[in-house]
């Protein structure tokens, strides 16, 4: 259970970093922005980060 919590925090932090690039740097959001910058994410984590980003935007 401790590992899941750590991964959850990491995916949320990744979503924050992606959103910062979109908002501050004017980058266009696309799920490839996540997969290109964070190649070690599982498909499930990639989907979760994308959902977080889409939910905010």
Protein backbone atom coordinates (compact mmCIF):
# COMPACT_ATOMS: atom_id res chain seq x y z
CA UNK A 1 0.00 0.00 0.00
CA UNK A 2 2.86 2.36 0.72
CA UNK A 3 4.20 1.88 -2.83
CA UNK A 4 0.83 2.77 -4.34
CA UNK A 5 0.72 6.01 -2.37
CA UNK A 6 4.22 6.93 -3.50
CA UNK A 7 3.32 6.28 -7.16
CA UNK A 8 0.11 8.29 -6.77
CA UNK A 9 2.07 11.25 -5.47
CA UNK A 10 4.54 10.95 -8.33
CA UNK A 11 1.82 10.89 -10.98
CA UNK A 12 0.20 13.95 -9.45
CA UNK A 13 3.55 15.74 -9.37
CA UNK A 14 4.11 14.82 -13.01
CA UNK A 15 0.67 16.21 -13.89
CA UNK A 16 1.59 19.47 -12.12
CA UNK A 17 4.85 19.72 -14.07
CA UNK A 18 3.04 19.09 -17.37
CA UNK A 19 0.38 21.67 -16.51
CA UNK A 20 3.09 24.17 -15.64
CA UNK A 21 4.60 23.71 -19.11
CA UNK A 22 1.20 24.22 -20.70
CA UNK A 23 0.23 27.29 -18.66
CA UNK A 24 3.54 29.10 -18.16
CA UNK A 25 5.37 28.14 -21.35
CA UNK A 26 2.33 28.13 -23.62
CA UNK A 27 2.90 24.54 -24.73
CA UNK A 28 0.02 22.70 -26.32
CA UNK A 29 -1.26 19.80 -24.22
CA UNK A 30 -1.24 16.41 -25.84
CA UNK A 31 -0.76 13.05 -24.14
CA UNK A 32 2.48 12.68 -26.14
CA UNK A 33 3.85 15.55 -24.06
CA UNK A 34 3.64 13.18 -21.10
CA UNK A 35 4.95 10.05 -22.81
CA UNK A 36 7.85 11.89 -24.46
CA UNK A 37 9.04 13.41 -21.19
CA UNK A 38 8.24 10.54 -18.82
CA UNK A 39 9.07 7.34 -20.70
CA UNK A 40 9.10 5.16 -17.56
CA UNK A 41 5.38 5.57 -16.81
CA UNK A 42 3.15 2.54 -17.14
CA UNK A 43 0.14 2.78 -19.45
CA UNK A 44 -2.10 3.07 -16.39
CA UNK A 45 -0.05 5.92 -14.91
CA UNK A 46 0.12 7.67 -18.29
CA UNK A 47 -3.66 7.53 -18.55
CA UNK A 48 -4.07 8.82 -15.00
CA UNK A 49 -1.75 11.78 -15.61
CA UNK A 50 -3.57 12.58 -18.86
CA UNK A 51 -6.95 12.51 -17.06
CA UNK A 52 -5.64 14.82 -14.35
CA UNK A 53 -4.34 17.27 -16.95
CA UNK A 54 -7.52 17.19 -19.04
CA UNK A 55 -9.59 17.68 -15.89
CA UNK A 56 -7.69 20.84 -14.98
CA UNK A 57 -7.61 22.30 -18.47
